[in-house]
């Protein structure tokens, strides 16, 4: 059986003006249950860079379609999305090239960092 190749993709989201530092504090670590759900969905890596109010997410997954389908139905992920929603200006995002451009901003979160 052939092993599927890793898929890397990136997208952007925007923060509510003035919530940048609060978002960084909130998102410094994620709940252990969410980390587990993401791993179970095939996430291998996820980094978030911030440049002003723009967040660039760089995701490495075993299968993007499967990951998105599984996370969109996962109650742990849905609860997390409700918690993070007040920090985001809108649900819309844009796709960017992966890896992100050098000016994507400071790394503010990495999937390999501790959970809570």
C-alpha atoms as a PDB file:
ATOM      1  CA  UNK A   1       0.000   0.000   0.000  1.00  0.00           C
ATOM      2  CA  UNK A   2       1.448   3.362  -1.031  1.00  0.00           C
ATOM      3  CA  UNK A   3       1.846   5.971   1.642  1.00  0.00           C
ATOM      4  CA  UNK A   4       0.047   9.229   0.926  1.00  0.00           C
ATOM      5  CA  UNK A   5       2.233  12.285   0.629  1.00  0.00           C
ATOM      6  CA  UNK A   6       1.988  15.113   3.112  1.00  0.00           C
ATOM      7  CA  UNK A   7      -0.091  18.109   2.046  1.00  0.00           C
ATOM      8  CA  UNK A   8       0.984  21.600   3.051  1.00  0.00           C
ATOM      9  CA  UNK A   9      -1.378  24.526   2.610  1.00  0.00           C
ATOM     10  CA  UNK A  10      -1.814  27.985   4.035  1.00  0.00           C
ATOM     11  CA  UNK A  11      -4.639  30.430   4.604  1.00  0.00           C
ATOM     12  CA  UNK A  12      -5.178  33.765   6.307  1.00  0.00           C
ATOM     13  CA  UNK A  13      -7.661  35.062   8.835  1.00  0.00           C
ATOM     14  CA  UNK A  14      -8.047  38.547  10.309  1.00  0.00           C
ATOM     15  CA  UNK A  15      -8.218  39.558  13.932  1.00  0.00           C
ATOM     16  CA  UNK A  16     -10.607  42.081  15.419  1.00  0.00           C
ATOM     17  CA  UNK A  17      -8.720  45.370  15.689  1.00  0.00           C
ATOM     18  CA  UNK A  18      -7.136  45.775  19.092  1.00  0.00           C
ATOM     19  CA  UNK A  19      -7.419  42.059  19.994  1.00  0.00           C
ATOM     20  CA  UNK A  20      -4.001  41.009  18.698  1.00  0.00           C
ATOM     21  CA  UNK A  21      -2.219  40.615  22.052  1.00  0.00           C
ATOM     22  CA  UNK A  22      -5.254  39.046  23.735  1.00  0.00           C
ATOM     23  CA  UNK A  23      -5.446  36.495  20.904  1.00  0.00           C
ATOM     24  CA  UNK A  24      -1.780  35.637  21.323  1.00  0.00           C
ATOM     25  CA  UNK A  25      -2.273  35.069  25.051  1.00  0.00           C
ATOM     26  CA  UNK A  26      -5.421  32.994  24.482  1.00  0.00           C
ATOM     27  CA  UNK A  27      -3.834  30.940  21.731  1.00  0.00           C
ATOM     28  CA  UNK A  28      -0.447  30.421  23.401  1.00  0.00           C
ATOM     29  CA  UNK A  29      -1.459  26.797  23.970  1.00  0.00           C
ATOM     30  CA  UNK A  30      -4.463  24.751  22.990  1.00  0.00           C
ATOM     31  CA  UNK A  31      -6.451  22.229  25.023  1.00  0.00           C
ATOM     32  CA  UNK A  32      -5.034  18.716  25.042  1.00  0.00           C
ATOM     33  CA  UNK A  33      -8.342  17.333  23.712  1.00  0.00           C
ATOM     34  CA  UNK A  34      -8.168  19.663  20.705  1.00  0.00           C
ATOM     35  CA  UNK A  35      -4.564  18.674  20.030  1.00  0.00           C
ATOM     36  CA  UNK A  36      -5.645  15.021  20.094  1.00  0.00           C
ATOM     37  CA  UNK A  37      -8.599  15.705  17.753  1.00  0.00           C
ATOM     38  CA  UNK A  38      -6.312  17.498  15.314  1.00  0.00           C
ATOM     39  CA  UNK A  39      -3.776  14.647  15.379  1.00  0.00           C
ATOM     40  CA  UNK A  40      -6.585  12.111  14.859  1.00  0.00           C
ATOM     41  CA  UNK A  41      -7.736  14.141  11.841  1.00  0.00           C
ATOM     42  CA  UNK A  42      -4.266  13.868  10.319  1.00  0.00           C
ATOM     43  CA  UNK A  43      -2.716  17.202  11.291  1.00  0.00           C
ATOM     44  CA  UNK A  44       1.049  16.853  11.471  1.00  0.00           C
ATOM     45  CA  UNK A  45       1.940  20.521  11.824  1.00  0.00           C
ATOM     46  CA  UNK A  46       0.172  23.863  12.179  1.00  0.00           C
ATOM     47  CA  UNK A  47       1.903  27.189  12.611  1.00  0.00           C
ATOM     48  CA  UNK A  48       0.357  30.620  12.939  1.00  0.00           C
ATOM     49  CA  UNK A  49       2.230  33.803  12.027  1.00  0.00           C
ATOM     50  CA  UNK A  50       0.895  37.266  12.855  1.00  0.00           C
ATOM     51  CA  UNK A  51       1.559  40.476  10.956  1.00  0.00           C
ATOM     52  CA  UNK A  52      -0.616  43.182  12.462  1.00  0.00           C
ATOM     53  CA  UNK A  53      -4.166  41.864  12.360  1.00  0.00           C
ATOM     54  CA  UNK A  54      -3.416  39.250   9.675  1.00  0.00           C
ATOM     55  CA  UNK A  55      -2.877  35.653  10.756  1.00  0.00           C
ATOM     56  CA  UNK A  56      -1.231  33.261   8.314  1.00  0.00           C
ATOM     57  CA  UNK A  57      -1.895  29.602   9.129  1.00  0.00           C
ATOM     58  CA  UNK A  58       0.461  27.020   7.619  1.00  0.00           C
ATOM     59  CA  UNK A  59      -0.897  23.493   7.930  1.00  0.00           C
ATOM     60  CA  UNK A  60       0.707  20.138   7.220  1.00  0.00           C
ATOM     61  CA  UNK A  61      -1.797  17.283   6.984  1.00  0.00           C
ATOM     62  CA  UNK A  62      -1.861  13.732   5.765  1.00  0.00           C
ATOM     63  CA  UNK A  63      -5.055  14.438   3.764  1.00  0.00           C
ATOM     64  CA  UNK A  64      -6.533  17.942   3.719  1.00  0.00           C
ATOM     65  CA  UNK A  65     -10.025  16.906   2.597  1.00  0.00           C
ATOM     66  CA  UNK A  66     -10.267  14.223   5.295  1.00  0.00           C
ATOM     67  CA  UNK A  67      -8.835  16.592   7.919  1.00  0.00           C
ATOM     68  CA  UNK A  68     -11.330  19.347   7.113  1.00  0.00           C
ATOM     69  CA  UNK A  69     -14.271  16.925   7.066  1.00  0.00           C
ATOM     70  CA  UNK A  70     -13.304  15.294  10.345  1.00  0.00           C
ATOM     71  CA  UNK A  71     -12.611  18.570  12.183  1.00  0.00           C
ATOM     72  CA  UNK A  72     -15.789  20.230  10.892  1.00  0.00           C
ATOM     73  CA  UNK A  73     -17.824  17.521  12.657  1.00  0.00           C
ATOM     74  CA  UNK A  74     -15.680  17.126  15.774  1.00  0.00           C
ATOM     75  CA  UNK A  75     -17.394  18.496  18.931  1.00  0.00           C
ATOM     76  CA  UNK A  76     -14.061  19.412  20.547  1.00  0.00           C
ATOM     77  CA  UNK A  77     -13.036  21.439  17.497  1.00  0.00           C
ATOM     78  CA  UNK A  78     -16.480  23.048  17.240  1.00  0.00           C
ATOM     79  CA  UNK A  79     -16.250  24.164  20.889  1.00  0.00           C
ATOM     80  CA  UNK A  80     -12.772  25.594  20.218  1.00  0.00           C
ATOM     81  CA  UNK A  81     -14.063  27.496  17.180  1.00  0.00           C
ATOM     82  CA  UNK A  82     -16.725  29.096  19.389  1.00  0.00           C
ATOM     83  CA  UNK A  83     -14.058  30.157  21.889  1.00  0.00           C
ATOM     84  CA  UNK A  84     -11.749  31.662  19.260  1.00  0.00           C
ATOM     85  CA  UNK A  85     -14.527  33.339  17.211  1.00  0.00           C
ATOM     86  CA  UNK A  86     -14.654  36.572  19.286  1.00  0.00           C
ATOM     87  CA  UNK A  87     -11.048  37.281  18.286  1.00  0.00           C
ATOM     88  CA  UNK A  88     -11.671  36.941  14.542  1.00  0.00           C
ATOM     89  CA  UNK A  89     -12.967  39.776  12.384  1.00  0.00           C
ATOM     90  CA  UNK A  90     -14.768  37.397  10.021  1.00  0.00           C
ATOM     91  CA  UNK A  91     -15.076  33.753   9.162  1.00  0.00           C
ATOM     92  CA  UNK A  92     -13.751  34.411   5.670  1.00  0.00           C
ATOM     93  CA  UNK A  93     -10.172  33.625   4.865  1.00  0.00           C
ATOM     94  CA  UNK A  94      -7.885  33.718   1.895  1.00  0.00           C
ATOM     95  CA  UNK A  95      -5.570  31.066   0.547  1.00  0.00           C
ATOM     96  CA  UNK A  96      -1.879  31.900   0.340  1.00  0.00           C
ATOM     97  CA  UNK A  97       1.121  30.066  -0.982  1.00  0.00           C
ATOM     98  CA  UNK A  98       2.790  27.581   1.329  1.00  0.00           C
ATOM     99  CA  UNK A  99       5.276  28.057   2.826  1.00  0.00           C
ATOM    100  CA  UNK A 100       4.213  31.574   3.724  1.00  0.00           C
ATOM    101  CA  UNK A 101       6.165  34.556   2.461  1.00  0.00           C
ATOM    102  CA  UNK A 102       9.060  35.694   4.652  1.00  0.00           C
ATOM    103  CA  UNK A 103       7.018  38.734   5.687  1.00  0.00           C
ATOM    104  CA  UNK A 104       4.133  36.641   7.100  1.00  0.00           C
ATOM    105  CA  UNK A 105       5.003  37.983  10.535  1.00  0.00           C
ATOM    106  CA  UNK A 106       6.167  36.593  13.820  1.00  0.00           C
ATOM    107  CA  UNK A 107       5.490  32.982  14.720  1.00  0.00           C
ATOM    108  CA  UNK A 108       2.922  33.132  17.511  1.00  0.00           C
ATOM    109  CA  UNK A 109       1.847  29.480  17.713  1.00  0.00           C
ATOM    110  CA  UNK A 110       3.142  26.082  16.699  1.00  0.00           C
ATOM    111  CA  UNK A 111       1.352  22.728  16.909  1.00  0.00           C
ATOM    112  CA  UNK A 112       4.416  21.284  18.634  1.00  0.00           C
ATOM    113  CA  UNK A 113       4.111  23.694  21.587  1.00  0.00           C
ATOM    114  CA  UNK A 114       2.645  22.544  24.925  1.00  0.00           C
ATOM    115  CA  UNK A 115      -1.051  21.947  25.388  1.00  0.00           C
ATOM    116  CA  UNK A 116      -3.129  22.822  28.415  1.00  0.00           C
END
